Amino acid sequence: MILERTITAFPEIQPGEKWQSLFRFHWSAYRRWFLARGADARRIYSSSQWALQQHMPELMPVCEHLTELAGGGDIATGFLAPYRPSAYVRGCPRAVWGGLSPTLVRNDGFSPRLFERMILHTAWNGRSVISMGDCL
């Protein structure tokens, strides 16, 4: 079976309208996945914010900005803070090339139907990153 997909690439050094559009496009599906076990099974807002502040405080401003772009709310914040996400797939193979510029290569274990088809160029915390989009 041949499954063709178009991949879109875009730069957005700081999260803005492009990221917000991506969020709006995918949010209903991600919200269903995030709440699949019910809202009570999720560690929403306060737990997510606490864990992020404790373990990766440098990401707090980015997370707060993404939450604003997503329209706020406990569910979106819990999803974007990535604290204890639901299991979705196992077995994403990885390889590390240790040349002059070490590189991590990862083959995604998602079904091609779940592939977001986005390549992003960002610098959310000052470091330029080009990456495949995955779970926003």
C-alpha atoms as a PDB file:
ATOM      1  CA  MET A   1       0.000   0.000   0.000  1.00  0.00           C
ATOM      2  CA  ILE A   2       1.327   3.435  -0.921  1.00  0.00           C
ATOM      3  CA  LEU A   3       0.467   6.258   1.445  1.00  0.00           C
ATOM      4  CA  GLU A   4       1.447   9.678   0.171  1.00  0.00           C
ATOM      5  CA  ARG A   5       1.827  12.595   2.556  1.00  0.00           C
ATOM      6  CA  THR A   6       2.765  16.213   1.971  1.00  0.00           C
ATOM      7  CA  ILE A   7       5.220  17.620   4.511  1.00  0.00           C
ATOM      8  CA  THR A   8       5.049  21.326   5.339  1.00  0.00           C
ATOM      9  CA  ALA A   9       8.074  23.179   6.691  1.00  0.00           C
ATOM     10  CA  PHE A  10       7.990  26.598   8.269  1.00  0.00           C
ATOM     11  CA  PRO A  11      10.096  28.875  10.435  1.00  0.00           C
ATOM     12  CA  GLU A  12       8.627  30.488  13.521  1.00  0.00           C
ATOM     13  CA  ILE A  13      11.450  31.477  15.815  1.00  0.00           C
ATOM     14  CA  GLN A  14       9.084  32.262  18.695  1.00  0.00           C
ATOM     15  CA  PRO A  15       5.653  30.620  18.972  1.00  0.00           C
ATOM     16  CA  GLY A  16       2.989  32.729  17.268  1.00  0.00           C
ATOM     17  CA  GLU A  17       0.283  32.568  14.631  1.00  0.00           C
ATOM     18  CA  LYS A  18       1.733  29.566  12.788  1.00  0.00           C
ATOM     19  CA  TRP A  19       1.981  27.453  15.948  1.00  0.00           C
ATOM     20  CA  GLN A  20      -1.482  28.612  17.011  1.00  0.00           C
ATOM     21  CA  SER A  21      -2.905  27.527  13.641  1.00  0.00           C
ATOM     22  CA  LEU A  22      -1.202  24.128  14.006  1.00  0.00           C
ATOM     23  CA  PHE A  23      -2.671  23.788  17.513  1.00  0.00           C
ATOM     24  CA  ARG A  24      -6.183  24.630  16.325  1.00  0.00           C
ATOM     25  CA  PHE A  25      -5.926  22.149  13.453  1.00  0.00           C
ATOM     26  CA  HIS A  26      -4.852  19.225  15.697  1.00  0.00           C
ATOM     27  CA  TRP A  27      -6.424  20.086  19.068  1.00  0.00           C
ATOM     28  CA  SER A  28      -9.693  18.171  18.811  1.00  0.00           C
ATOM     29  CA  ALA A  29      -7.873  14.895  18.085  1.00  0.00           C
ATOM     30  CA  TYR A  30      -5.208  15.493  20.736  1.00  0.00           C
ATOM     31  CA  ARG A  31      -7.862  16.488  23.289  1.00  0.00           C
ATOM     32  CA  ARG A  32      -9.722  13.180  22.680  1.00  0.00           C
ATOM     33  CA  TRP A  33      -6.458  11.237  23.115  1.00  0.00           C
ATOM     34  CA  PHE A  34      -5.459  13.236  26.213  1.00  0.00           C
ATOM     35  CA  LEU A  35      -8.817  12.613  27.908  1.00  0.00           C
ATOM     36  CA  ALA A  36      -9.314   9.024  26.692  1.00  0.00           C
ATOM     37  CA  ARG A  37      -9.133   7.689  30.262  1.00  0.00           C
ATOM     38  CA  GLY A  38     -11.247  10.564  31.604  1.00  0.00           C
ATOM     39  CA  ALA A  39     -10.306  13.924  33.065  1.00  0.00           C
ATOM     40  CA  ASP A  40      -9.909  12.410  36.547  1.00  0.00           C
ATOM     41  CA  ALA A  41      -7.092  10.164  35.266  1.00  0.00           C
ATOM     42  CA  ARG A  42      -5.057  13.181  34.081  1.00  0.00           C
ATOM     43  CA  ARG A  43      -2.816  15.262  36.262  1.00  0.00           C
ATOM     44  CA  ILE A  44      -4.172  18.539  35.036  1.00  0.00           C
ATOM     45  CA  TYR A  45      -2.827  22.069  35.376  1.00  0.00           C
ATOM     46  CA  SER A  46      -1.440  22.339  38.919  1.00  0.00           C
ATOM     47  CA  SER A  47       0.486  19.046  38.835  1.00  0.00           C
ATOM     48  CA  SER A  48       1.797  19.733  35.343  1.00  0.00           C
ATOM     49  CA  GLN A  49       2.840  23.292  36.180  1.00  0.00           C
ATOM     50  CA  TRP A  50       4.482  22.160  39.425  1.00  0.00           C
ATOM     51  CA  ALA A  51       6.451  19.392  37.698  1.00  0.00           C
ATOM     52  CA  LEU A  52       7.598  21.710  34.920  1.00  0.00           C
ATOM     53  CA  GLN A  53       8.678  24.379  37.428  1.00  0.00           C
ATOM     54  CA  GLN A  54      10.589  21.783  39.480  1.00  0.00           C
ATOM     55  CA  HIS A  55      12.309  19.903  36.659  1.00  0.00           C
ATOM     56  CA  MET A  56      12.548  22.278  33.675  1.00  0.00           C
ATOM     57  CA  PRO A  57      11.936  25.834  34.914  1.00  0.00           C
ATOM     58  CA  GLU A  58      13.597  27.245  31.801  1.00  0.00           C
ATOM     59  CA  LEU A  59      10.578  26.018  29.827  1.00  0.00           C
ATOM     60  CA  MET A  60       7.975  27.801  31.999  1.00  0.00           C
ATOM     61  CA  PRO A  61       7.841  31.007  29.898  1.00  0.00           C
ATOM     62  CA  VAL A  62       7.475  28.985  26.685  1.00  0.00           C
ATOM     63  CA  CYS A  63       4.776  26.763  28.191  1.00  0.00           C
ATOM     64  CA  GLU A  64       2.885  29.797  29.513  1.00  0.00           C
ATOM     65  CA  HIS A  65       3.049  31.454  26.083  1.00  0.00           C
ATOM     66  CA  LEU A  66       1.911  28.270  24.295  1.00  0.00           C
ATOM     67  CA  THR A  67      -0.963  27.954  26.766  1.00  0.00           C
ATOM     68  CA  GLU A  68      -2.028  31.531  25.972  1.00  0.00           C
ATOM     69  CA  LEU A  69      -1.875  30.799  22.234  1.00  0.00           C
ATOM     70  CA  ALA A  70      -3.953  27.662  22.847  1.00  0.00           C
ATOM     71  CA  GLY A  71      -6.641  29.690  24.590  1.00  0.00           C
ATOM     72  CA  GLY A  72      -5.762  28.730  28.167  1.00  0.00           C
ATOM     73  CA  GLY A  73      -7.659  26.271  30.287  1.00  0.00           C
ATOM     74  CA  ASP A  74      -6.680  23.354  32.470  1.00  0.00           C
ATOM     75  CA  ILE A  75      -6.895  20.702  29.750  1.00  0.00           C
ATOM     76  CA  ALA A  76      -4.736  22.508  27.176  1.00  0.00           C
ATOM     77  CA  THR A  77      -2.218  23.446  29.882  1.00  0.00           C
ATOM     78  CA  GLY A  78      -2.036  19.860  31.121  1.00  0.00           C
ATOM     79  CA  PHE A  79      -1.498  18.624  27.583  1.00  0.00           C
ATOM     80  CA  LEU A  80       1.192  21.196  26.771  1.00  0.00           C
ATOM     81  CA  ALA A  81       3.121  20.767  30.036  1.00  0.00           C
ATOM     82  CA  PRO A  82       3.788  17.049  29.120  1.00  0.00           C
ATOM     83  CA  TYR A  83       3.684  15.652  32.688  1.00  0.00           C
ATOM     84  CA  ARG A  84       3.011  11.907  32.658  1.00  0.00           C
ATOM     85  CA  PRO A  85       1.484  11.690  29.188  1.00  0.00           C
ATOM     86  CA  SER A  86      -0.695   8.751  28.212  1.00  0.00           C
ATOM     87  CA  ALA A  87       1.115   5.833  26.606  1.00  0.00           C
ATOM     88  CA  TYR A  88       0.674   5.796  22.853  1.00  0.00           C
ATOM     89  CA  VAL A  89       3.424   3.785  21.209  1.00  0.00           C
ATOM     90  CA  ARG A  90       6.600   1.902  21.999  1.00  0.00           C
ATOM     91  CA  GLY A  91       9.640   0.993  19.995  1.00  0.00           C
ATOM     92  CA  CYS A  92      10.827   4.148  18.250  1.00  0.00           C
ATOM     93  CA  PRO A  93      14.309   3.085  17.076  1.00  0.00           C
ATOM     94  CA  ARG A  94      17.162   5.554  17.546  1.00  0.00           C
ATOM     95  CA  ALA A  95      20.700   5.941  16.315  1.00  0.00           C
ATOM     96  CA  VAL A  96      23.386   8.417  17.359  1.00  0.00           C
ATOM     97  CA  TRP A  97      26.066   9.594  14.986  1.00  0.00           C
ATOM     98  CA  GLY A  98      29.005  10.940  16.975  1.00  0.00           C
ATOM     99  CA  GLY A  99      30.888  12.852  14.275  1.00  0.00           C
ATOM    100  CA  LEU A 100      31.951  16.496  14.497  1.00  0.00           C
ATOM    101  CA  SER A 101      28.368  17.496  15.202  1.00  0.00           C
ATOM    102  CA  PRO A 102      26.658  14.634  17.110  1.00  0.00           C
ATOM    103  CA  THR A 103      23.224  13.849  15.713  1.00  0.00           C
ATOM    104  CA  LEU A 104      20.304  11.836  17.050  1.00  0.00           C
ATOM    105  CA  VAL A 105      18.236  10.098  14.377  1.00  0.00           C
ATOM    106  CA  ARG A 106      14.901   8.649  15.420  1.00  0.00           C
ATOM    107  CA  ASN A 107      12.431   6.612  13.404  1.00  0.00           C
ATOM    108  CA  ASP A 108       8.940   7.394  14.644  1.00  0.00           C
ATOM    109  CA  GLY A 109       6.807   4.426  15.616  1.00  0.00           C
ATOM    110  CA  PHE A 110       3.527   6.210  14.798  1.00  0.00           C
ATOM    111  CA  SER A 111       1.183   5.021  12.139  1.00  0.00           C
ATOM    112  CA  PRO A 112       1.704   7.158   9.004  1.00  0.00           C
ATOM    113  CA  ARG A 113      -1.890   8.283   9.464  1.00  0.00           C
ATOM    114  CA  LEU A 114      -0.930   9.969  12.772  1.00  0.00           C
ATOM    115  CA  PHE A 115       2.099  11.759  11.339  1.00  0.00           C
ATOM    116  CA  GLU A 116       1.680  15.565  11.738  1.00  0.00           C
ATOM    117  CA  ARG A 117       3.620  16.237   8.523  1.00  0.00           C
ATOM    118  CA  MET A 118       5.370  19.341   9.896  1.00  0.00           C
ATOM    119  CA  ILE A 119       8.991  20.414  10.045  1.00  0.00           C
ATOM    120  CA  LEU A 120       9.528  23.397  12.314  1.00  0.00           C
ATOM    121  CA  HIS A 121      12.427  25.821  12.655  1.00  0.00           C
ATOM    122  CA  THR A 122      12.288  27.441  16.099  1.00  0.00           C
ATOM    123  CA  ALA A 123      14.468  29.034  18.752  1.00  0.00           C
ATOM    124  CA  TRP A 124      12.029  29.088  21.657  1.00  0.00           C
ATOM    125  CA  ASN A 125      14.738  29.225  24.320  1.00  0.00           C
ATOM    126  CA  GLY A 126      17.435  30.870  22.222  1.00  0.00           C
ATOM    127  CA  ARG A 127      18.746  27.702  20.560  1.00  0.00           C
ATOM    128  CA  SER A 128      17.978  27.194  16.896  1.00  0.00           C
ATOM    129  CA  VAL A 129      16.191  23.876  16.341  1.00  0.00           C
ATOM    130  CA  ILE A 130      14.891  22.203  13.196  1.00  0.00           C
ATOM    131  CA  SER A 131      12.636  19.318  14.085  1.00  0.00           C
ATOM    132  CA  MET A 132       9.678  17.238  13.010  1.00  0.00           C
ATOM    133  CA  GLY A 133       6.496  18.394  14.688  1.00  0.00           C
ATOM    134  CA  ASP A 134       5.109  15.828  17.116  1.00  0.00           C
ATOM    135  CA  CYS A 135       2.362  16.440  19.664  1.00  0.00           C
ATOM    136  CA  LEU A 136       2.697  20.186  19.132  1.00  0.00           C
END
